[in-house]
């Protein structure tokens, strides 16, 4: 197999500006690019700092309605501090909870896409 990595994940949104603001200003991801993509379309891509995989905020896939994505896992070194920061910013977050693979909280973006904020796995796991 010659596939080396996941380059992009498409995340369905209804309003690219609102989604960009949430992912950049609230979650803290970096804006990788925001470019026109033909008439009436834009390529909006965000990513964690230094990440190889980006997230495109898409509006053009009819089989991916806004809010239909579930289980996008975003990792942080301190899940408790990050959950506290998000709650202080007015973002509802469930958790934190513990699982064999680590500590996590769940939230949704403005369109209802389901996100998991995960801490590192326990040592020795």
PDB file of N, CA and C in Angstrom:
ATOM      1  N   UNK A   1       0.838  -1.177   0.000  1.00  0.00           N
ATOM      2  CA  UNK A   1       0.000   0.000   0.000  1.00  0.00           C
ATOM      3  C   UNK A   1       0.886   1.243   0.000  1.00  0.00           C
ATOM      4  N   UNK A   2       0.506   2.234  -0.776  1.00  0.00           N
ATOM      5  CA  UNK A   2       1.296   3.458  -0.857  1.00  0.00           C
ATOM      6  C   UNK A   2       0.635   4.645  -0.144  1.00  0.00           C
ATOM      7  N   UNK A   3      -0.494   4.425   0.489  1.00  0.00           N
ATOM      8  CA  UNK A   3      -1.136   5.512   1.224  1.00  0.00           C
ATOM      9  C   UNK A   3      -0.303   5.799   2.463  1.00  0.00           C
ATOM     10  N   UNK A   4       0.075   7.070   2.635  1.00  0.00           N
ATOM     11  CA  UNK A   4       0.990   7.432   3.710  1.00  0.00           C
ATOM     12  C   UNK A   4       0.309   8.088   4.904  1.00  0.00           C
ATOM     13  N   UNK A   5      -0.811   8.781   4.684  1.00  0.00           N
ATOM     14  CA  UNK A   5      -1.446   9.483   5.789  1.00  0.00           C
ATOM     15  C   UNK A   5      -2.838   9.944   5.386  1.00  0.00           C
ATOM     16  N   UNK A   6      -3.607  10.386   6.345  1.00  0.00           N
ATOM     17  CA  UNK A   6      -4.880  11.041   6.060  1.00  0.00           C
ATOM     18  C   UNK A   6      -4.581  12.514   5.854  1.00  0.00           C
ATOM     19  N   UNK A   7      -4.945  13.058   4.715  1.00  0.00           N
ATOM     20  CA  UNK A   7      -4.662  14.458   4.410  1.00  0.00           C
ATOM     21  C   UNK A   7      -5.738  15.382   4.952  1.00  0.00           C
ATOM     22  N   UNK A   8      -7.016  15.033   4.704  1.00  0.00           N
ATOM     23  CA  UNK A   8      -8.132  15.896   5.063  1.00  0.00           C
ATOM     24  C   UNK A   8      -9.314  15.094   5.573  1.00  0.00           C
ATOM     25  N   UNK A   9     -10.087  15.733   6.431  1.00  0.00           N
ATOM     26  CA  UNK A   9     -11.390  15.225   6.835  1.00  0.00           C
ATOM     27  C   UNK A   9     -12.393  16.311   6.476  1.00  0.00           C
ATOM     28  N   UNK A  10     -13.436  15.953   5.753  1.00  0.00           N
ATOM     29  CA  UNK A  10     -14.472  16.923   5.392  1.00  0.00           C
ATOM     30  C   UNK A  10     -15.524  16.962   6.485  1.00  0.00           C
ATOM     31  N   UNK A  11     -15.835  18.161   6.955  1.00  0.00           N
ATOM     32  CA  UNK A  11     -16.787  18.357   8.028  1.00  0.00           C
ATOM     33  C   UNK A  11     -17.930  19.209   7.498  1.00  0.00           C
ATOM     34  N   UNK A  12     -19.158  18.664   7.451  1.00  0.00           N
ATOM     35  CA  UNK A  12     -20.277  19.376   6.831  1.00  0.00           C
ATOM     36  C   UNK A  12     -20.842  20.481   7.723  1.00  0.00           C
ATOM     37  N   UNK A  13     -20.890  21.686   7.179  1.00  0.00           N
ATOM     38  CA  UNK A  13     -21.397  22.845   7.921  1.00  0.00           C
ATOM     39  C   UNK A  13     -22.396  23.608   7.058  1.00  0.00           C
ATOM     40  N   UNK A  14     -23.215  24.424   7.696  1.00  0.00           N
ATOM     41  CA  UNK A  14     -24.181  25.230   6.950  1.00  0.00           C
ATOM     42  C   UNK A  14     -23.649  26.621   6.648  1.00  0.00           C
ATOM     43  N   UNK A  15     -22.740  27.132   7.481  1.00  0.00           N
ATOM     44  CA  UNK A  15     -22.224  28.488   7.350  1.00  0.00           C
ATOM     45  C   UNK A  15     -20.718  28.439   7.592  1.00  0.00           C
ATOM     46  N   UNK A  16     -19.940  28.603   6.535  1.00  0.00           N
ATOM     47  CA  UNK A  16     -18.493  28.461   6.664  1.00  0.00           C
ATOM     48  C   UNK A  16     -17.875  29.532   7.558  1.00  0.00           C
ATOM     49  N   UNK A  17     -18.392  30.742   7.535  1.00  0.00           N
ATOM     50  CA  UNK A  17     -17.849  31.794   8.395  1.00  0.00           C
ATOM     51  C   UNK A  17     -18.074  31.456   9.869  1.00  0.00           C
ATOM     52  N   UNK A  18     -19.291  31.064  10.211  1.00  0.00           N
ATOM     53  CA  UNK A  18     -19.602  30.711  11.595  1.00  0.00           C
ATOM     54  C   UNK A  18     -18.756  29.520  12.048  1.00  0.00           C
ATOM     55  N   UNK A  19     -18.643  28.501  11.187  1.00  0.00           N
ATOM     56  CA  UNK A  19     -17.855  27.318  11.526  1.00  0.00           C
ATOM     57  C   UNK A  19     -16.373  27.673  11.673  1.00  0.00           C
ATOM     58  N   UNK A  20     -15.850  28.470  10.739  1.00  0.00           N
ATOM     59  CA  UNK A  20     -14.444  28.902  10.826  1.00  0.00           C
ATOM     60  C   UNK A  20     -14.199  29.623  12.148  1.00  0.00           C
ATOM     61  N   UNK A  21     -15.080  30.539  12.504  1.00  0.00           N
ATOM     62  CA  UNK A  21     -14.916  31.287  13.751  1.00  0.00           C
ATOM     63  C   UNK A  21     -14.930  30.350  14.962  1.00  0.00           C
ATOM     64  N   UNK A  22     -15.803  29.354  14.963  1.00  0.00           N
ATOM     65  CA  UNK A  22     -15.853  28.402  16.073  1.00  0.00           C
ATOM     66  C   UNK A  22     -14.562  27.586  16.160  1.00  0.00           C
ATOM     67  N   UNK A  23     -14.140  27.016  15.035  1.00  0.00           N
ATOM     68  CA  UNK A  23     -12.967  26.142  15.063  1.00  0.00           C
ATOM     69  C   UNK A  23     -11.668  26.906  15.321  1.00  0.00           C
ATOM     70  N   UNK A  24     -11.595  28.144  14.868  1.00  0.00           N
ATOM     71  CA  UNK A  24     -10.380  28.941  15.078  1.00  0.00           C
ATOM     72  C   UNK A  24     -10.450  29.712  16.398  1.00  0.00           C
ATOM     73  N   UNK A  25     -11.484  30.516  16.582  1.00  0.00           N
ATOM     74  CA  UNK A  25     -11.535  31.412  17.735  1.00  0.00           C
ATOM     75  C   UNK A  25     -11.915  30.708  19.034  1.00  0.00           C
ATOM     76  N   UNK A  26     -12.744  29.680  18.967  1.00  0.00           N
ATOM     77  CA  UNK A  26     -13.194  29.001  20.181  1.00  0.00           C
ATOM     78  C   UNK A  26     -12.337  27.765  20.474  1.00  0.00           C
ATOM     79  N   UNK A  27     -12.209  26.860  19.489  1.00  0.00           N
ATOM     80  CA  UNK A  27     -11.417  25.651  19.736  1.00  0.00           C
ATOM     81  C   UNK A  27      -9.917  25.902  19.682  1.00  0.00           C
ATOM     82  N   UNK A  28      -9.485  26.914  18.933  1.00  0.00           N
ATOM     83  CA  UNK A  28      -8.061  27.235  18.882  1.00  0.00           C
ATOM     84  C   UNK A  28      -7.291  26.590  17.752  1.00  0.00           C
ATOM     85  N   UNK A  29      -7.997  26.045  16.755  1.00  0.00           N
ATOM     86  CA  UNK A  29      -7.297  25.511  15.591  1.00  0.00           C
ATOM     87  C   UNK A  29      -6.779  26.664  14.747  1.00  0.00           C
ATOM     88  N   UNK A  30      -5.836  26.373  13.867  1.00  0.00           N
ATOM     89  CA  UNK A  30      -5.292  27.392  12.971  1.00  0.00           C
ATOM     90  C   UNK A  30      -6.057  27.401  11.657  1.00  0.00           C
ATOM     91  N   UNK A  31      -6.220  28.576  11.096  1.00  0.00           N
ATOM     92  CA  UNK A  31      -6.791  28.697   9.754  1.00  0.00           C
ATOM     93  C   UNK A  31      -5.668  28.406   8.762  1.00  0.00           C
ATOM     94  N   UNK A  32      -5.805  27.326   8.025  1.00  0.00           N
ATOM     95  CA  UNK A  32      -4.788  26.928   7.043  1.00  0.00           C
ATOM     96  C   UNK A  32      -5.002  27.687   5.744  1.00  0.00           C
ATOM     97  N   UNK A  33      -6.251  27.725   5.281  1.00  0.00           N
ATOM     98  CA  UNK A  33      -6.572  28.518   4.083  1.00  0.00           C
ATOM     99  C   UNK A  33      -8.061  28.791   4.014  1.00  0.00           C
ATOM    100  N   UNK A  34      -8.369  29.899   3.372  1.00  0.00           N
ATOM    101  CA  UNK A  34      -9.744  30.315   3.129  1.00  0.00           C
ATOM    102  C   UNK A  34      -9.721  30.979   1.763  1.00  0.00           C
ATOM    103  N   UNK A  35      -9.990  30.194   0.719  1.00  0.00           N
ATOM    104  CA  UNK A  35      -9.847  30.658  -0.656  1.00  0.00           C
ATOM    105  C   UNK A  35     -11.125  30.412  -1.450  1.00  0.00           C
ATOM    106  N   UNK A  36     -11.394  31.276  -2.436  1.00  0.00           N
ATOM    107  CA  UNK A  36     -12.494  30.987  -3.357  1.00  0.00           C
ATOM    108  C   UNK A  36     -12.220  29.667  -4.081  1.00  0.00           C
ATOM    109  N   UNK A  37     -13.291  28.968  -4.395  1.00  0.00           N
ATOM    110  CA  UNK A  37     -13.163  27.675  -5.083  1.00  0.00           C
ATOM    111  C   UNK A  37     -14.242  27.621  -6.156  1.00  0.00           C
ATOM    112  N   UNK A  38     -14.108  28.461  -7.163  1.00  0.00           N
ATOM    113  CA  UNK A  38     -15.138  28.526  -8.190  1.00  0.00           C
ATOM    114  C   UNK A  38     -16.242  29.471  -7.762  1.00  0.00           C
ATOM    115  N   UNK A  39     -17.259  29.596  -8.592  1.00  0.00           N
ATOM    116  CA  UNK A  39     -18.349  30.507  -8.249  1.00  0.00           C
ATOM    117  C   UNK A  39     -19.156  29.984  -7.049  1.00  0.00           C
ATOM    118  N   UNK A  40     -19.358  30.848  -6.077  1.00  0.00           N
ATOM    119  CA  UNK A  40     -20.212  30.551  -4.931  1.00  0.00           C
ATOM    120  C   UNK A  40     -19.705  29.450  -4.010  1.00  0.00           C
ATOM    121  N   UNK A  41     -18.416  29.118  -4.064  1.00  0.00           N
ATOM    122  CA  UNK A  41     -17.869  28.128  -3.141  1.00  0.00           C
ATOM    123  C   UNK A  41     -16.532  28.617  -2.603  1.00  0.00           C
ATOM    124  N   UNK A  42     -16.206  28.129  -1.388  1.00  0.00           N
ATOM    125  CA  UNK A  42     -14.925  28.451  -0.761  1.00  0.00           C
ATOM    126  C   UNK A  42     -14.291  27.192  -0.200  1.00  0.00           C
ATOM    127  N   UNK A  43     -12.972  27.203  -0.178  1.00  0.00           N
ATOM    128  CA  UNK A  43     -12.205  26.157   0.485  1.00  0.00           C
ATOM    129  C   UNK A  43     -11.759  26.742   1.811  1.00  0.00           C
ATOM    130  N   UNK A  44     -12.343  26.243   2.901  1.00  0.00           N
ATOM    131  CA  UNK A  44     -11.972  26.694   4.238  1.00  0.00           C
ATOM    132  C   UNK A  44     -11.387  25.486   4.962  1.00  0.00           C
ATOM    133  N   UNK A  45     -10.126  25.604   5.344  1.00  0.00           N
ATOM    134  CA  UNK A  45      -9.424  24.493   5.986  1.00  0.00           C
ATOM    135  C   UNK A  45      -8.815  24.969   7.295  1.00  0.00           C
ATOM    136  N   UNK A  46      -9.012  24.170   8.346  1.00  0.00           N
ATOM    137  CA  UNK A  46      -8.444  24.438   9.657  1.00  0.00           C
ATOM    138  C   UNK A  46      -7.682  23.202  10.102  1.00  0.00           C
ATOM    139  N   UNK A  47      -6.794  23.383  11.088  1.00  0.00           N
ATOM    140  CA  UNK A  47      -6.030  22.249  11.604  1.00  0.00           C
ATOM    141  C   UNK A  47      -5.401  22.632  12.936  1.00  0.00           C
ATOM    142  N   UNK A  48      -5.155  21.642  13.786  1.00  0.00           N
ATOM    143  CA  UNK A  48      -4.360  21.930  14.974  1.00  0.00           C
ATOM    144  C   UNK A  48      -2.952  22.372  14.550  1.00  0.00           C
ATOM    145  N   UNK A  49      -2.317  23.187  15.347  1.00  0.00           N
ATOM    146  CA  UNK A  49      -0.963  23.662  15.029  1.00  0.00           C
ATOM    147  C   UNK A  49      -0.039  22.475  14.772  1.00  0.00           C
ATOM    148  N   UNK A  50       0.644  22.482  13.644  1.00  0.00           N
ATOM    149  CA  UNK A  50       1.620  21.446  13.305  1.00  0.00           C
ATOM    150  C   UNK A  50       1.038  20.126  12.836  1.00  0.00           C
ATOM    151  N   UNK A  51      -0.273  20.028  12.719  1.00  0.00           N
ATOM    152  CA  UNK A  51      -0.900  18.757  12.337  1.00  0.00           C
ATOM    153  C   UNK A  51      -0.690  18.462  10.857  1.00  0.00           C
ATOM    154  N   UNK A  52      -0.614  17.186  10.524  1.00  0.00           N
ATOM    155  CA  UNK A  52      -0.544  16.768   9.124  1.00  0.00           C
ATOM    156  C   UNK A  52      -1.920  16.671   8.493  1.00  0.00           C
ATOM    157  N   UNK A  53      -2.947  16.451   9.297  1.00  0.00           N
ATOM    158  CA  UNK A  53      -4.300  16.286   8.777  1.00  0.00           C
ATOM    159  C   UNK A  53      -5.104  17.559   9.022  1.00  0.00           C
ATOM    160  N   UNK A  54      -5.730  18.053   7.957  1.00  0.00           N
ATOM    161  CA  UNK A  54      -6.570  19.229   8.061  1.00  0.00           C
ATOM    162  C   UNK A  54      -8.042  18.854   8.069  1.00  0.00           C
ATOM    163  N   UNK A  55      -8.865  19.837   8.404  1.00  0.00           N
ATOM    164  CA  UNK A  55     -10.317  19.682   8.406  1.00  0.00           C
ATOM    165  C   UNK A  55     -10.873  20.721   7.448  1.00  0.00           C
ATOM    166  N   UNK A  56     -11.600  20.267   6.419  1.00  0.00           N
ATOM    167  CA  UNK A  56     -12.242  21.204   5.510  1.00  0.00           C
ATOM    168  C   UNK A  56     -13.693  21.386   5.945  1.00  0.00           C
ATOM    169  N   UNK A  57     -14.102  22.639   5.998  1.00  0.00           N
ATOM    170  CA  UNK A  57     -15.462  22.993   6.391  1.00  0.00           C
ATOM    171  C   UNK A  57     -16.272  23.097   5.117  1.00  0.00           C
ATOM    172  N   UNK A  58     -17.027  22.046   4.810  1.00  0.00           N
ATOM    173  CA  UNK A  58     -17.656  21.909   3.493  1.00  0.00           C
ATOM    174  C   UNK A  58     -19.152  22.176   3.526  1.00  0.00           C
ATOM    175  N   UNK A  59     -19.648  22.703   2.407  1.00  0.00           N
ATOM    176  CA  UNK A  59     -21.076  22.968   2.237  1.00  0.00           C
ATOM    177  C   UNK A  59     -21.628  22.318   0.974  1.00  0.00           C
ATOM    178  N   UNK A  60     -20.807  21.608   0.236  1.00  0.00           N
ATOM    179  CA  UNK A  60     -21.191  21.188  -1.117  1.00  0.00           C
ATOM    180  C   UNK A  60     -21.444  19.696  -1.298  1.00  0.00           C
ATOM    181  N   UNK A  61     -21.474  18.899  -0.263  1.00  0.00           N
ATOM    182  CA  UNK A  61     -21.763  17.482  -0.417  1.00  0.00           C
ATOM    183  C   UNK A  61     -23.211  17.214  -0.028  1.00  0.00           C
ATOM    184  N   UNK A  62     -24.105  16.968  -0.984  1.00  0.00           N
ATOM    185  CA  UNK A  62     -25.520  16.772  -0.638  1.00  0.00           C
ATOM    186  C   UNK A  62     -25.761  15.554   0.256  1.00  0.00           C
ATOM    187  N   UNK A  63     -24.866  14.580   0.236  1.00  0.00           N
ATOM    188  CA  UNK A  63     -25.060  13.396   1.075  1.00  0.00           C
ATOM    189  C   UNK A  63     -24.462  13.586   2.474  1.00  0.00           C
ATOM    190  N   UNK A  64     -23.897  14.765   2.737  1.00  0.00           N
ATOM    191  CA  UNK A  64     -23.338  15.086   4.055  1.00  0.00           C
ATOM    192  C   UNK A  64     -24.018  16.354   4.580  1.00  0.00           C
ATOM    193  N   UNK A  65     -25.206  16.237   5.126  1.00  0.00           N
ATOM    194  CA  UNK A  65     -25.878  17.441   5.624  1.00  0.00           C
ATOM    195  C   UNK A  65     -25.135  18.025   6.829  1.00  0.00           C
ATOM    196  N   UNK A  66     -25.220  19.338   7.008  1.00  0.00           N
ATOM    197  CA  UNK A  66     -24.590  19.960   8.170  1.00  0.00           C
ATOM    198  C   UNK A  66     -25.026  19.273   9.458  1.00  0.00           C
ATOM    199  N   UNK A  67     -24.050  19.012  10.324  1.00  0.00           N
ATOM    200  CA  UNK A  67     -24.335  18.376  11.603  1.00  0.00           C
ATOM    201  C   UNK A  67     -24.343  16.866  11.581  1.00  0.00           C
ATOM    202  N   UNK A  68     -24.027  16.245  10.455  1.00  0.00           N
ATOM    203  CA  UNK A  68     -24.127  14.783  10.351  1.00  0.00           C
ATOM    204  C   UNK A  68     -22.860  14.037  10.758  1.00  0.00           C
ATOM    205  N   UNK A  69     -21.767  14.719  10.978  1.00  0.00           N
ATOM    206  CA  UNK A  69     -20.525  14.045  11.365  1.00  0.00           C
ATOM    207  C   UNK A  69     -20.552  13.737  12.860  1.00  0.00           C
ATOM    208  N   UNK A  70     -20.100  12.562  13.228  1.00  0.00           N
ATOM    209  CA  UNK A  70     -20.000  12.147  14.628  1.00  0.00           C
ATOM    210  C   UNK A  70     -18.634  11.555  14.880  1.00  0.00           C
ATOM    211  N   UNK A  71     -18.106  11.814  16.065  1.00  0.00           N
ATOM    212  CA  UNK A  71     -16.910  11.111  16.511  1.00  0.00           C
ATOM    213  C   UNK A  71     -15.590  11.656  16.017  1.00  0.00           C
ATOM    214  N   UNK A  72     -15.513  12.923  15.625  1.00  0.00           N
ATOM    215  CA  UNK A  72     -14.219  13.512  15.279  1.00  0.00           C
ATOM    216  C   UNK A  72     -13.477  13.737  16.587  1.00  0.00           C
ATOM    217  N   UNK A  73     -12.346  13.056  16.771  1.00  0.00           N
ATOM    218  CA  UNK A  73     -11.605  13.111  18.025  1.00  0.00           C
ATOM    219  C   UNK A  73     -10.455  14.109  17.890  1.00  0.00           C
ATOM    220  N   UNK A  74     -10.464  15.090  18.785  1.00  0.00           N
ATOM    221  CA  UNK A  74      -9.406  16.094  18.850  1.00  0.00           C
ATOM    222  C   UNK A  74      -8.660  15.874  20.160  1.00  0.00           C
ATOM    223  N   UNK A  75      -7.338  15.716  20.083  1.00  0.00           N
ATOM    224  CA  UNK A  75      -6.567  15.402  21.273  1.00  0.00           C
ATOM    225  C   UNK A  75      -5.939  16.652  21.868  1.00  0.00           C
ATOM    226  N   UNK A  76      -5.908  16.694  23.194  1.00  0.00           N
ATOM    227  CA  UNK A  76      -5.273  17.768  23.939  1.00  0.00           C
ATOM    228  C   UNK A  76      -4.439  17.145  25.060  1.00  0.00           C
ATOM    229  N   UNK A  77      -3.432  17.846  25.511  1.00  0.00           N
ATOM    230  CA  UNK A  77      -2.587  17.319  26.584  1.00  0.00           C
ATOM    231  C   UNK A  77      -3.276  17.397  27.946  1.00  0.00           C
ATOM    232  N   UNK A  78      -4.189  18.365  28.132  1.00  0.00           N
ATOM    233  CA  UNK A  78      -4.863  18.533  29.417  1.00  0.00           C
ATOM    234  C   UNK A  78      -6.358  18.689  29.169  1.00  0.00           C
ATOM    235  N   UNK A  79      -7.056  17.574  29.102  1.00  0.00           N
ATOM    236  CA  UNK A  79      -8.477  17.596  28.751  1.00  0.00           C
ATOM    237  C   UNK A  79      -9.301  18.364  29.786  1.00  0.00           C
ATOM    238  N   UNK A  80      -8.951  18.277  31.056  1.00  0.00           N
ATOM    239  CA  UNK A  80      -9.713  18.983  32.081  1.00  0.00           C
ATOM    240  C   UNK A  80      -9.589  20.499  31.917  1.00  0.00           C
ATOM    241  N   UNK A  81      -8.391  20.980  31.699  1.00  0.00           N
ATOM    242  CA  UNK A  81      -8.180  22.421  31.503  1.00  0.00           C
ATOM    243  C   UNK A  81      -8.874  22.904  30.236  1.00  0.00           C
ATOM    244  N   UNK A  82      -8.829  22.105  29.199  1.00  0.00           N
ATOM    245  CA  UNK A  82      -9.459  22.493  27.938  1.00  0.00           C
ATOM    246  C   UNK A  82     -10.982  22.528  28.077  1.00  0.00           C
ATOM    247  N   UNK A  83     -11.542  21.563  28.777  1.00  0.00           N
ATOM    248  CA  UNK A  83     -12.986  21.567  29.021  1.00  0.00           C
ATOM    249  C   UNK A  83     -13.373  22.793  29.841  1.00  0.00           C
ATOM    250  N   UNK A  84     -12.594  23.113  30.868  1.00  0.00           N
ATOM    251  CA  UNK A  84     -12.870  24.307  31.669  1.00  0.00           C
ATOM    252  C   UNK A  84     -12.813  25.562  30.808  1.00  0.00           C
ATOM    253  N   UNK A  85     -11.825  25.662  29.920  1.00  0.00           N
ATOM    254  CA  UNK A  85     -11.672  26.828  29.044  1.00  0.00           C
ATOM    255  C   UNK A  85     -12.874  26.956  28.119  1.00  0.00           C
ATOM    256  N   UNK A  86     -13.293  25.835  27.527  1.00  0.00           N
ATOM    257  CA  UNK A  86     -14.439  25.863  26.618  1.00  0.00           C
ATOM    258  C   UNK A  86     -15.728  26.231  27.357  1.00  0.00           C
ATOM    259  N   UNK A  87     -15.928  25.680  28.528  1.00  0.00           N
ATOM    260  CA  UNK A  87     -17.122  26.025  29.309  1.00  0.00           C
ATOM    261  C   UNK A  87     -17.130  27.517  29.653  1.00  0.00           C
ATOM    262  N   UNK A  88     -15.970  28.065  30.000  1.00  0.00           N
ATOM    263  CA  UNK A  88     -15.877  29.497  30.309  1.00  0.00           C
ATOM    264  C   UNK A  88     -16.214  30.337  29.088  1.00  0.00           C
ATOM    265  N   UNK A  89     -15.984  29.786  27.894  1.00  0.00           N
ATOM    266  CA  UNK A  89     -16.321  30.484  26.646  1.00  0.00           C
ATOM    267  C   UNK A  89     -17.770  30.247  26.236  1.00  0.00           C
ATOM    268  N   UNK A  90     -18.527  29.521  27.068  1.00  0.00           N
ATOM    269  CA  UNK A  90     -19.937  29.298  26.790  1.00  0.00           C
ATOM    270  C   UNK A  90     -20.255  28.067  25.974  1.00  0.00           C
ATOM    271  N   UNK A  91     -19.285  27.187  25.792  1.00  0.00           N
ATOM    272  CA  UNK A  91     -19.506  25.962  25.014  1.00  0.00           C
ATOM    273  C   UNK A  91     -19.949  24.841  25.954  1.00  0.00           C
ATOM    274  N   UNK A  92     -21.117  24.255  25.735  1.00  0.00           N
ATOM    275  CA  UNK A  92     -21.531  23.117  26.564  1.00  0.00           C
ATOM    276  C   UNK A  92     -20.657  21.892  26.259  1.00  0.00           C
ATOM    277  N   UNK A  93     -20.084  21.309  27.300  1.00  0.00           N
ATOM    278  CA  UNK A  93     -19.239  20.118  27.154  1.00  0.00           C
ATOM    279  C   UNK A  93     -19.709  19.091  28.169  1.00  0.00           C
ATOM    280  N   UNK A  94     -19.915  17.869  27.701  1.00  0.00           N
ATOM    281  CA  UNK A  94     -20.241  16.767  28.597  1.00  0.00           C
ATOM    282  C   UNK A  94     -18.955  16.101  29.039  1.00  0.00           C
ATOM    283  N   UNK A  95     -18.871  15.738  30.307  1.00  0.00           N
ATOM    284  CA  UNK A  95     -17.666  15.118  30.831  1.00  0.00           C
ATOM    285  C   UNK A  95     -16.913  16.120  31.696  1.00  0.00           C
ATOM    286  N   UNK A  96     -15.723  15.794  32.050  1.00  0.00           N
ATOM    287  CA  UNK A  96     -14.906  14.712  31.510  1.00  0.00           C
ATOM    288  C   UNK A  96     -15.286  13.354  32.083  1.00  0.00           C
ATOM    289  N   UNK A  97     -15.016  12.356  31.284  1.00  0.00           N
ATOM    290  CA  UNK A  97     -15.225  10.964  31.663  1.00  0.00           C
ATOM    291  C   UNK A  97     -13.938  10.202  31.420  1.00  0.00           C
ATOM    292  N   UNK A  98     -13.819   9.053  32.090  1.00  0.00           N
ATOM    293  CA  UNK A  98     -12.646   8.203  31.915  1.00  0.00           C
ATOM    294  C   UNK A  98     -13.011   6.947  31.147  1.00  0.00           C
ATOM    295  N   UNK A  99     -12.093   6.545  30.275  1.00  0.00           N
ATOM    296  CA  UNK A  99     -12.227   5.306  29.505  1.00  0.00           C
ATOM    297  C   UNK A  99     -10.863   4.626  29.512  1.00  0.00           C
ATOM    298  N   UNK A 100     -10.809   3.354  29.152  1.00  0.00           N
ATOM    299  CA  UNK A 100      -9.512   2.670  29.130  1.00  0.00           C
ATOM    300  C   UNK A 100      -8.487   3.358  28.228  1.00  0.00           C
ATOM    301  N   UNK A 101      -8.962   4.065  27.208  1.00  0.00           N
ATOM    302  CA  UNK A 101      -8.047   4.721  26.263  1.00  0.00           C
ATOM    303  C   UNK A 101      -7.715   6.148  26.647  1.00  0.00           C
ATOM    304  N   UNK A 102      -8.342   6.704  27.712  1.00  0.00           N
ATOM    305  CA  UNK A 102      -8.011   8.053  28.151  1.00  0.00           C
ATOM    306  C   UNK A 102      -9.200   8.803  28.710  1.00  0.00           C
ATOM    307  N   UNK A 103      -8.964  10.044  29.046  1.00  0.00           N
ATOM    308  CA  UNK A 103      -9.996  10.927  29.595  1.00  0.00           C
ATOM    309  C   UNK A 103     -10.559  11.755  28.450  1.00  0.00           C
ATOM    310  N   UNK A 104     -11.890  12.019  28.472  1.00  0.00           N
ATOM    311  CA  UNK A 104     -12.482  12.704  27.328  1.00  0.00           C
ATOM    312  C   UNK A 104     -13.725  13.490  27.730  1.00  0.00           C
ATOM    313  N   UNK A 105     -14.095  14.415  26.861  1.00  0.00           N
ATOM    314  CA  UNK A 105     -15.344  15.146  26.963  1.00  0.00           C
ATOM    315  C   UNK A 105     -15.956  15.211  25.575  1.00  0.00           C
ATOM    316  N   UNK A 106     -17.255  15.456  25.506  1.00  0.00           N
ATOM    317  CA  UNK A 106     -17.912  15.543  24.205  1.00  0.00           C
ATOM    318  C   UNK A 106     -18.620  16.884  24.075  1.00  0.00           C
ATOM    319  N   UNK A 107     -18.685  17.362  22.843  1.00  0.00           N
ATOM    320  CA  UNK A 107     -19.331  18.627  22.539  1.00  0.00           C
ATOM    321  C   UNK A 107     -19.792  18.609  21.097  1.00  0.00           C
ATOM    322  N   UNK A 108     -20.532  19.633  20.733  1.00  0.00           N
ATOM    323  CA  UNK A 108     -20.943  19.776  19.340  1.00  0.00           C
ATOM    324  C   UNK A 108     -20.533  21.147  18.843  1.00  0.00           C
ATOM    325  N   UNK A 109     -20.336  21.236  17.535  1.00  0.00           N
ATOM    326  CA  UNK A 109     -20.059  22.533  16.923  1.00  0.00           C
ATOM    327  C   UNK A 109     -21.393  23.239  16.669  1.00  0.00           C
ATOM    328  N   UNK A 110     -21.384  24.459  16.127  1.00  0.00           N
ATOM    329  CA  UNK A 110     -22.645  25.185  15.933  1.00  0.00           C
ATOM    330  C   UNK A 110     -23.669  24.473  15.048  1.00  0.00           C
ATOM    331  N   UNK A 111     -23.239  23.533  14.199  1.00  0.00           N
ATOM    332  CA  UNK A 111     -24.165  22.787  13.350  1.00  0.00           C
ATOM    333  C   UNK A 111     -24.623  21.481  13.979  1.00  0.00           C
ATOM    334  N   UNK A 112     -24.024  21.085  15.091  1.00  0.00           N
ATOM    335  CA  UNK A 112     -24.391  19.836  15.737  1.00  0.00           C
ATOM    336  C   UNK A 112     -23.473  18.674  15.409  1.00  0.00           C
ATOM    337  N   UNK A 113     -22.356  18.917  14.702  1.00  0.00           N
ATOM    338  CA  UNK A 113     -21.373  17.855  14.470  1.00  0.00           C
ATOM    339  C   UNK A 113     -20.791  17.437  15.814  1.00  0.00           C
ATOM    340  N   UNK A 114     -20.693  16.115  16.046  1.00  0.00           N
ATOM    341  CA  UNK A 114     -20.232  15.595  17.325  1.00  0.00           C
ATOM    342  C   UNK A 114     -18.726  15.493  17.404  1.00  0.00           C
ATOM    343  N   UNK A 115     -18.152  16.144  18.409  1.00  0.00           N
ATOM    344  CA  UNK A 115     -16.709  16.165  18.615  1.00  0.00           C
ATOM    345  C   UNK A 115     -16.370  15.516  19.938  1.00  0.00           C
ATOM    346  N   UNK A 116     -15.208  14.872  19.991  1.00  0.00           N
ATOM    347  CA  UNK A 116     -14.690  14.284  21.215  1.00  0.00           C
ATOM    348  C   UNK A 116     -13.373  14.979  21.512  1.00  0.00           C
ATOM    349  N   UNK A 117     -13.245  15.515  22.695  1.00  0.00           N
ATOM    350  CA  UNK A 117     -12.006  16.116  23.137  1.00  0.00           C
ATOM    351  C   UNK A 117     -11.339  15.100  24.041  1.00  0.00           C
ATOM    352  N   UNK A 118     -10.187  14.584  23.634  1.00  0.00           N
ATOM    353  CA  UNK A 118      -9.561  13.474  24.327  1.00  0.00           C
ATOM    354  C   UNK A 118      -8.198  13.862  24.878  1.00  0.00           C
ATOM    355  N   UNK A 119      -7.920  13.364  26.072  1.00  0.00           N
ATOM    356  CA  UNK A 119      -6.603  13.496  26.659  1.00  0.00           C
ATOM    357  C   UNK A 119      -5.746  12.316  26.226  1.00  0.00           C
ATOM    358  N   UNK A 120      -4.480  12.358  26.552  1.00  0.00           N
ATOM    359  CA  UNK A 120      -3.611  11.245  26.162  1.00  0.00           C
ATOM    360  C   UNK A 120      -4.021   9.964  26.882  1.00  0.00           C
ATOM    361  N   UNK A 121      -3.703   8.835  26.286  1.00  0.00           N
ATOM    362  CA  UNK A 121      -4.029   7.568  26.946  1.00  0.00           C
ATOM    363  C   UNK A 121      -3.239   7.447  28.256  1.00  0.00           C
ATOM    364  N   UNK A 122      -3.754   6.646  29.199  1.00  0.00           N
ATOM    365  CA  UNK A 122      -3.020   6.451  30.445  1.00  0.00           C
ATOM    366  C   UNK A 122      -1.648   5.843  30.173  1.00  0.00           C
ATOM    367  N   UNK A 123      -0.696   6.163  31.022  1.00  0.00           N
ATOM    368  CA  UNK A 123       0.663   5.604  30.856  1.00  0.00           C
ATOM    369  C   UNK A 123       0.602   4.083  30.905  1.00  0.00           C
ATOM    370  N   UNK A 124       1.358   3.467  30.034  1.00  0.00           N
ATOM    371  CA  UNK A 124       1.412   2.019  29.974  1.00  0.00           C
ATOM    372  C   UNK A 124       0.321   1.388  29.139  1.00  0.00           C
ATOM    373  N   UNK A 125      -0.562   2.215  28.580  1.00  0.00           N
ATOM    374  CA  UNK A 125      -1.664   1.654  27.772  1.00  0.00           C
ATOM    375  C   UNK A 125      -1.235   1.499  26.338  1.00  0.00           C
TER     376      UNK A 125
END
